[in-house]
Amino acid sequence: MSVLSVPNVMRRMHAHIRLLLLLTLLVRGGMYLGYPLQVKLDDIQAFHASLINQVVEGDLLIGNLRYPTGYALVMAPAAAIARHLGAFEERFLLLVQVTLCACIPFLLYDTVRRHHSRRVALIVALAALLDVFGLQWAHLYYPVWMVAFCIVLAIWIMNRSLHFSGASLATGLCAAGGVLGIATLGRFNLAPVVLVTGALLLLVKAIPFRQRFLAFASLGAGCLTVLLGYLIAIHIPSTGTLRVNCIGGSNLILSVRGGGGGGGGGGAPPPNPPPAPPFWRAGQTTNDRGKKGT
């Protein structure tokens, strides 16, 4: 598409889409350019950055399902590209986050307009676009924005797929389930929400029960495929256990008693493996890391 055809494309867009595009460029673009880079990361963000770095280095054994490991897996490809951008490394990662997060209002608009008026859809989209917390989270190394994006994307896929039947319906709902599985890896306590979402499909009376059951089964299959794949490929090799929380039972008792050193404990627990070097060390900027050759 040539540059000269861009105005024609804009004219063919609905006025609401043009408004959303303009506001997205002004609000998201303005925050991206003006939001200060973090000179020092807090402990949680440093932990997330360390997991990303570990995946980029080729080590996928990043922990159990309980922690937000999905964020590291999603951001690792972008981080691998960002490593070659020098001083723009951190800005590129933030650009990826901001761009994906900026898709949420458009996905909501398209979903809502299919069941209500365009005016209602615009109100919902504007509420999401101008959400103060949503604007801030995209600039931090937290999985909150990713979870929100995955949930909205899954709902959009589900809404589109329910208009089909047979293999097309199953494929679409399986893809939506996979996206919800990624969201669950970002926040494992989201699992009950995924279960409720699947159960609600059985209550959609606009389609026959056979299609509803197929949608329910396909959504569950997609989500379970992601979670079981992570459990088998990463969780068990990382932890050596099936427990979601690796601190429990006798391990918890030993830790409370000071590693089992007294009172007849069963001996000290095995030492923890050394943590991977963080992507951005505390107190350093991206440029500092490049200068020190780390």
Protein backbone atom coordinates (compact mmCIF):
# COMPACT_ATOMS: atom_id res chain seq x y z
CA MET A 1 0.00 0.00 0.00
CA SER A 2 1.47 3.33 -1.04
CA VAL A 3 1.62 6.37 1.18
CA LEU A 4 -0.84 8.16 -1.12
CA SER A 5 -3.52 5.55 -0.40
CA VAL A 6 -3.38 6.10 3.37
CA PRO A 7 -5.79 9.08 3.29
CA ASN A 8 -8.25 6.99 1.27
CA VAL A 9 -8.09 4.22 3.84
CA MET A 10 -8.66 6.73 6.64
CA ARG A 11 -11.70 8.15 4.84
CA ARG A 12 -13.20 4.68 4.49
CA MET A 13 -12.85 4.05 8.24
CA HIS A 14 -15.75 4.71 10.53
CA ALA A 15 -15.52 7.99 12.42
CA HIS A 16 -15.22 6.11 15.72
CA ILE A 17 -12.16 4.22 14.51
CA ARG A 18 -10.51 7.43 13.34
CA LEU A 19 -11.21 8.98 16.73
CA LEU A 20 -9.75 5.98 18.55
CA LEU A 21 -6.65 6.03 16.33
CA LEU A 22 -6.10 9.74 16.92
CA LEU A 23 -6.53 9.46 20.68
CA THR A 24 -4.30 6.37 20.80
CA LEU A 25 -1.51 8.19 18.98
CA LEU A 26 -1.87 11.25 21.22
CA VAL A 27 -2.24 9.49 24.56
CA ARG A 28 -0.16 6.35 24.09
CA GLY A 29 2.39 8.02 21.85
CA GLY A 30 2.73 10.99 24.18
CA MET A 31 3.23 8.77 27.22
CA TYR A 32 5.70 6.55 25.38
CA LEU A 33 7.85 9.52 24.34
CA GLY A 34 7.55 11.39 27.63
CA TYR A 35 7.48 8.57 30.18
CA PRO A 36 10.88 8.46 31.92
CA LEU A 37 12.90 5.25 31.74
CA GLN A 38 13.45 3.57 35.09
CA VAL A 39 16.96 4.12 36.39
CA LYS A 40 16.50 1.50 39.10
CA LEU A 41 14.00 -1.36 39.04
CA ASP A 42 12.19 -2.55 42.15
CA ASP A 43 12.71 -6.13 43.27
CA ILE A 44 9.65 -7.55 41.49
CA GLN A 45 10.45 -5.90 38.17
CA ALA A 46 14.09 -6.99 38.49
CA PHE A 47 12.86 -10.55 39.05
CA HIS A 48 10.71 -10.42 35.90
CA ALA A 49 13.59 -8.96 33.90
CA SER A 50 15.84 -11.74 35.20
CA LEU A 51 13.39 -14.39 33.97
CA ILE A 52 13.26 -12.74 30.55
CA ASN A 53 17.05 -12.72 30.40
CA GLN A 54 17.17 -16.39 31.41
CA VAL A 55 14.81 -17.37 28.55
CA VAL A 56 16.78 -15.29 26.04
CA GLU A 57 19.93 -17.09 27.14
CA GLY A 58 18.24 -20.37 26.22
CA ASP A 59 17.40 -21.62 29.70
CA LEU A 60 13.66 -22.35 29.81
CA LEU A 61 13.66 -23.79 33.33
CA ILE A 62 12.25 -20.62 34.84
CA GLY A 63 10.04 -22.00 37.59
CA ASN A 64 6.61 -23.23 38.50
CA LEU A 65 3.10 -22.29 37.46
CA ARG A 66 2.56 -20.13 40.52
CA TYR A 67 4.84 -17.33 39.39
CA PRO A 68 4.19 -15.00 36.40
CA THR A 69 6.44 -16.98 34.08
CA GLY A 70 4.16 -16.39 31.10
CA TYR A 71 5.34 -12.79 30.95
CA ALA A 72 8.94 -13.90 30.46
CA LEU A 73 7.98 -16.33 27.69
CA VAL A 74 5.95 -13.70 25.83
CA MET A 75 8.56 -10.95 26.07
CA ALA A 76 11.63 -13.11 25.39
CA PRO A 77 11.42 -12.84 21.54
CA ALA A 78 11.19 -9.05 21.76
CA ALA A 79 14.04 -8.98 24.27
CA ALA A 80 16.20 -11.08 21.93
CA ILE A 81 15.67 -8.50 19.17
CA ALA A 82 16.17 -5.58 21.56
CA ARG A 83 19.65 -6.84 22.49
CA HIS A 84 20.89 -5.75 19.06
CA LEU A 85 19.50 -2.20 19.34
CA GLY A 86 22.05 -0.80 21.77
CA ALA A 87 20.77 2.28 23.57
CA PHE A 88 17.24 1.72 22.23
CA GLU A 89 16.98 -1.71 23.89
CA GLU A 90 14.68 -0.69 26.72
CA ARG A 91 12.66 1.66 24.51
CA PHE A 92 11.98 -1.17 22.05
CA LEU A 93 10.65 -3.45 24.79
CA LEU A 94 8.39 -0.70 26.04
CA LEU A 95 7.21 -0.05 22.47
CA VAL A 96 6.15 -3.70 22.15
CA GLN A 97 4.23 -3.53 25.41
CA VAL A 98 2.58 -0.21 24.61
CA THR A 99 1.58 -1.36 21.10
CA LEU A 100 -0.04 -4.59 22.31
CA CYS A 101 -1.76 -2.78 25.14
CA ALA A 102 -3.04 -0.14 22.69
CA CYS A 103 -4.94 -2.87 20.79
CA ILE A 104 -7.28 -3.47 23.74
CA PRO A 105 -9.71 -0.56 23.02
CA PHE A 106 -10.04 -1.59 19.36
CA LEU A 107 -10.73 -5.23 20.26
CA LEU A 108 -13.34 -4.14 22.79
CA TYR A 109 -14.97 -1.79 20.29
CA ASP A 110 -15.31 -4.51 17.66
CA THR A 111 -16.67 -6.99 20.22
CA VAL A 112 -19.22 -4.66 21.82
CA ARG A 113 -20.54 -3.19 18.56
CA ARG A 114 -21.66 -6.65 17.44
CA HIS A 115 -24.07 -6.87 20.38
CA HIS A 116 -24.89 -3.22 21.09
CA SER A 117 -24.80 0.11 19.30
CA ARG A 118 -21.60 1.71 18.04
CA ARG A 119 -22.08 4.49 20.57
CA VAL A 120 -21.98 2.02 23.46
CA ALA A 121 -18.95 0.36 21.89
CA LEU A 122 -17.18 3.71 21.63
CA ILE A 123 -17.86 4.51 25.30
CA VAL A 124 -16.41 1.15 26.37
CA ALA A 125 -13.36 1.62 24.13
CA LEU A 126 -12.72 5.15 25.40
CA ALA A 127 -12.98 3.95 29.01
CA ALA A 128 -10.30 1.35 28.28
CA LEU A 129 -8.13 3.76 26.30
CA LEU A 130 -8.13 6.46 28.99
CA ASP A 131 -7.78 4.10 31.95
CA VAL A 132 -5.02 5.59 34.08
CA PHE A 133 -3.81 2.27 35.45
CA GLY A 134 -3.85 0.68 32.01
CA LEU A 135 -1.71 3.49 30.66
CA GLN A 136 0.82 3.12 33.47
CA TRP A 137 1.11 -0.69 33.55
CA ALA A 138 2.30 -0.85 29.95
CA HIS A 139 5.44 1.08 30.98
CA LEU A 140 6.38 -1.28 33.81
CA TYR A 141 7.87 -4.77 33.75
CA TYR A 142 4.78 -6.39 35.20
CA PRO A 143 2.47 -8.96 33.57
CA VAL A 144 -0.70 -6.97 34.30
CA TRP A 145 -0.96 -5.46 30.81
CA MET A 146 -0.27 -8.88 29.21
CA VAL A 147 -3.04 -10.55 31.21
CA ALA A 148 -5.50 -7.81 30.24
CA PHE A 149 -4.50 -8.05 26.57
CA CYS A 150 -4.82 -11.85 26.52
CA ILE A 151 -8.25 -11.82 28.16
CA VAL A 152 -9.63 -9.22 25.75
CA LEU A 153 -8.04 -10.97 22.76
CA ALA A 154 -9.55 -14.31 23.85
CA ILE A 155 -13.00 -12.74 24.21
CA TRP A 156 -12.67 -11.18 20.75
CA ILE A 157 -11.68 -14.55 19.22
CA MET A 158 -14.54 -16.30 21.01
CA ASN A 159 -17.04 -13.70 19.82
CA ARG A 160 -15.89 -14.13 16.22
CA SER A 161 -15.72 -17.93 16.38
CA LEU A 162 -19.23 -18.46 17.79
CA HIS A 163 -20.65 -17.38 14.42
CA PHE A 164 -19.18 -20.53 12.85
CA SER A 165 -19.71 -24.22 13.43
CA GLY A 166 -17.82 -27.49 13.21
CA ALA A 167 -14.08 -27.33 12.67
CA SER A 168 -13.99 -23.53 12.36
CA LEU A 169 -15.72 -23.15 15.73
CA ALA A 170 -13.43 -25.69 17.39
CA THR A 171 -10.29 -24.10 15.94
CA GLY A 172 -11.28 -20.60 17.01
CA LEU A 173 -12.25 -21.61 20.55
CA CYS A 174 -9.11 -23.72 20.89
CA ALA A 175 -7.03 -20.67 19.93
CA ALA A 176 -8.95 -18.55 22.46
CA GLY A 177 -8.28 -21.20 25.10
CA GLY A 178 -4.58 -21.11 24.27
CA VAL A 179 -4.55 -17.34 24.75
CA LEU A 180 -6.32 -17.73 28.10
CA GLY A 181 -3.71 -20.34 29.00
CA ILE A 182 -0.98 -17.77 28.38
CA ALA A 183 -2.89 -15.28 30.53
CA THR A 184 -3.06 -17.90 33.29
CA LEU A 185 0.71 -18.32 33.11
CA GLY A 186 0.89 -14.58 33.73
CA ARG A 187 -1.40 -14.82 36.77
CA PHE A 188 -2.20 -18.35 37.94
CA ASN A 189 -4.99 -17.10 40.20
CA LEU A 190 -6.83 -16.29 36.96
CA ALA A 191 -7.60 -20.02 36.52
CA PRO A 192 -11.06 -19.79 38.19
CA VAL A 193 -11.98 -16.96 35.82
CA VAL A 194 -11.08 -19.19 32.87
CA LEU A 195 -13.26 -21.97 34.28
CA VAL A 196 -16.22 -19.61 34.70
CA THR A 197 -15.71 -18.27 31.16
CA GLY A 198 -15.86 -21.78 29.76
CA ALA A 199 -18.95 -22.62 31.81
CA LEU A 200 -20.73 -19.50 30.55
CA LEU A 201 -20.40 -20.82 27.00
CA LEU A 202 -22.86 -23.54 27.94
CA LEU A 203 -25.45 -20.85 28.71
CA VAL A 204 -25.34 -19.15 25.30
CA LYS A 205 -28.82 -20.01 24.02
CA ALA A 206 -28.31 -18.36 20.65
CA ILE A 207 -26.54 -21.48 19.36
CA PRO A 208 -27.52 -25.18 19.63
CA PHE A 209 -26.34 -27.10 22.69
CA ARG A 210 -24.12 -29.32 20.56
CA GLN A 211 -22.17 -26.27 19.36
CA ARG A 212 -22.06 -24.89 22.90
CA PHE A 213 -20.55 -28.10 24.20
CA LEU A 214 -18.05 -28.15 21.33
CA ALA A 215 -17.08 -24.56 22.15
CA PHE A 216 -16.71 -25.42 25.85
CA ALA A 217 -14.57 -28.49 25.12
CA SER A 218 -12.42 -26.65 22.57
CA LEU A 219 -11.78 -23.72 24.90
CA GLY A 220 -10.79 -26.08 27.70
CA ALA A 221 -8.57 -28.13 25.38
CA GLY A 222 -6.67 -25.05 24.22
CA CYS A 223 -6.12 -23.77 27.75
CA LEU A 224 -5.14 -27.17 29.16
CA THR A 225 -2.72 -27.74 26.27
CA VAL A 226 -0.79 -24.61 27.24
CA LEU A 227 -0.85 -25.35 30.97
CA LEU A 228 0.00 -29.04 30.66
CA GLY A 229 2.72 -28.24 28.12
CA TYR A 230 4.27 -25.81 30.59
CA LEU A 231 3.86 -28.29 33.43
CA ILE A 232 5.66 -31.07 31.56
CA ALA A 233 8.29 -29.05 29.70
CA ILE A 234 9.19 -26.40 32.30
CA HIS A 235 7.49 -26.80 35.68
CA ILE A 236 8.55 -30.37 36.52
CA PRO A 237 12.14 -30.07 35.17
CA SER A 238 12.51 -26.76 37.05
CA THR A 239 11.13 -27.88 40.40
CA GLY A 240 11.10 -31.68 40.46
CA THR A 241 7.56 -31.64 41.82
CA LEU A 242 3.97 -31.41 40.65
CA ARG A 243 3.03 -28.94 43.37
CA VAL A 244 2.05 -25.50 42.13
CA ASN A 245 3.62 -23.95 45.22
CA CYS A 246 7.07 -25.45 45.75
CA ILE A 247 7.16 -24.28 49.40
CA GLY A 248 4.81 -26.48 51.37
CA GLY A 249 4.56 -29.38 53.77
CA SER A 250 7.91 -30.47 55.25
CA ASN A 251 9.82 -27.91 53.19
CA LEU A 252 7.85 -25.11 54.84
CA ILE A 253 8.45 -26.59 58.31
CA LEU A 254 12.19 -26.83 57.63
CA SER A 255 12.35 -23.24 56.44
CA VAL A 256 10.51 -22.01 59.55
CA ARG A 257 12.87 -23.97 61.78
CA GLY A 258 15.92 -22.42 60.16
CA GLY A 259 16.63 -25.02 57.51
CA GLY A 260 16.13 -27.98 59.79
CA GLY A 261 19.31 -27.29 61.73
CA GLY A 262 17.82 -27.94 65.16
CA GLY A 263 15.10 -29.80 66.98
CA GLY A 264 15.53 -33.06 65.13
CA GLY A 265 14.89 -31.67 61.68
CA GLY A 266 15.47 -33.75 58.60
CA GLY A 267 18.56 -31.88 57.51
CA ALA A 268 19.05 -28.71 55.54
CA PRO A 269 17.13 -28.39 52.26
CA PRO A 270 19.15 -28.43 49.05
CA PRO A 271 20.67 -25.06 48.19
CA ASN A 272 18.83 -22.89 45.72
CA PRO A 273 20.43 -22.56 42.29
CA PRO A 274 22.12 -19.21 41.65
CA PRO A 275 19.72 -16.70 40.05
CA ALA A 276 20.20 -15.69 36.44
CA PRO A 277 21.80 -12.29 35.93
CA PRO A 278 19.09 -9.63 35.66
CA PHE A 279 18.35 -8.01 32.36
CA TRP A 280 18.84 -4.61 33.94
CA ARG A 281 20.89 -4.59 37.13
CA ALA A 282 19.57 -2.52 39.98
CA GLY A 283 20.90 1.00 39.90
CA GLN A 284 22.02 0.81 36.27
CA THR A 285 20.46 2.01 33.09
CA THR A 286 20.61 0.09 29.84
CA ASN A 287 23.48 2.30 28.70
CA ASP A 288 25.43 1.57 31.87
CA ARG A 289 25.12 -2.16 31.27
CA GLY A 290 26.42 -1.73 27.73
CA LYS A 291 29.38 0.35 28.88
CA LYS A 292 30.43 -2.23 31.46
CA GLY A 293 30.24 -5.06 28.95
CA THR A 294 27.78 -7.05 31.05
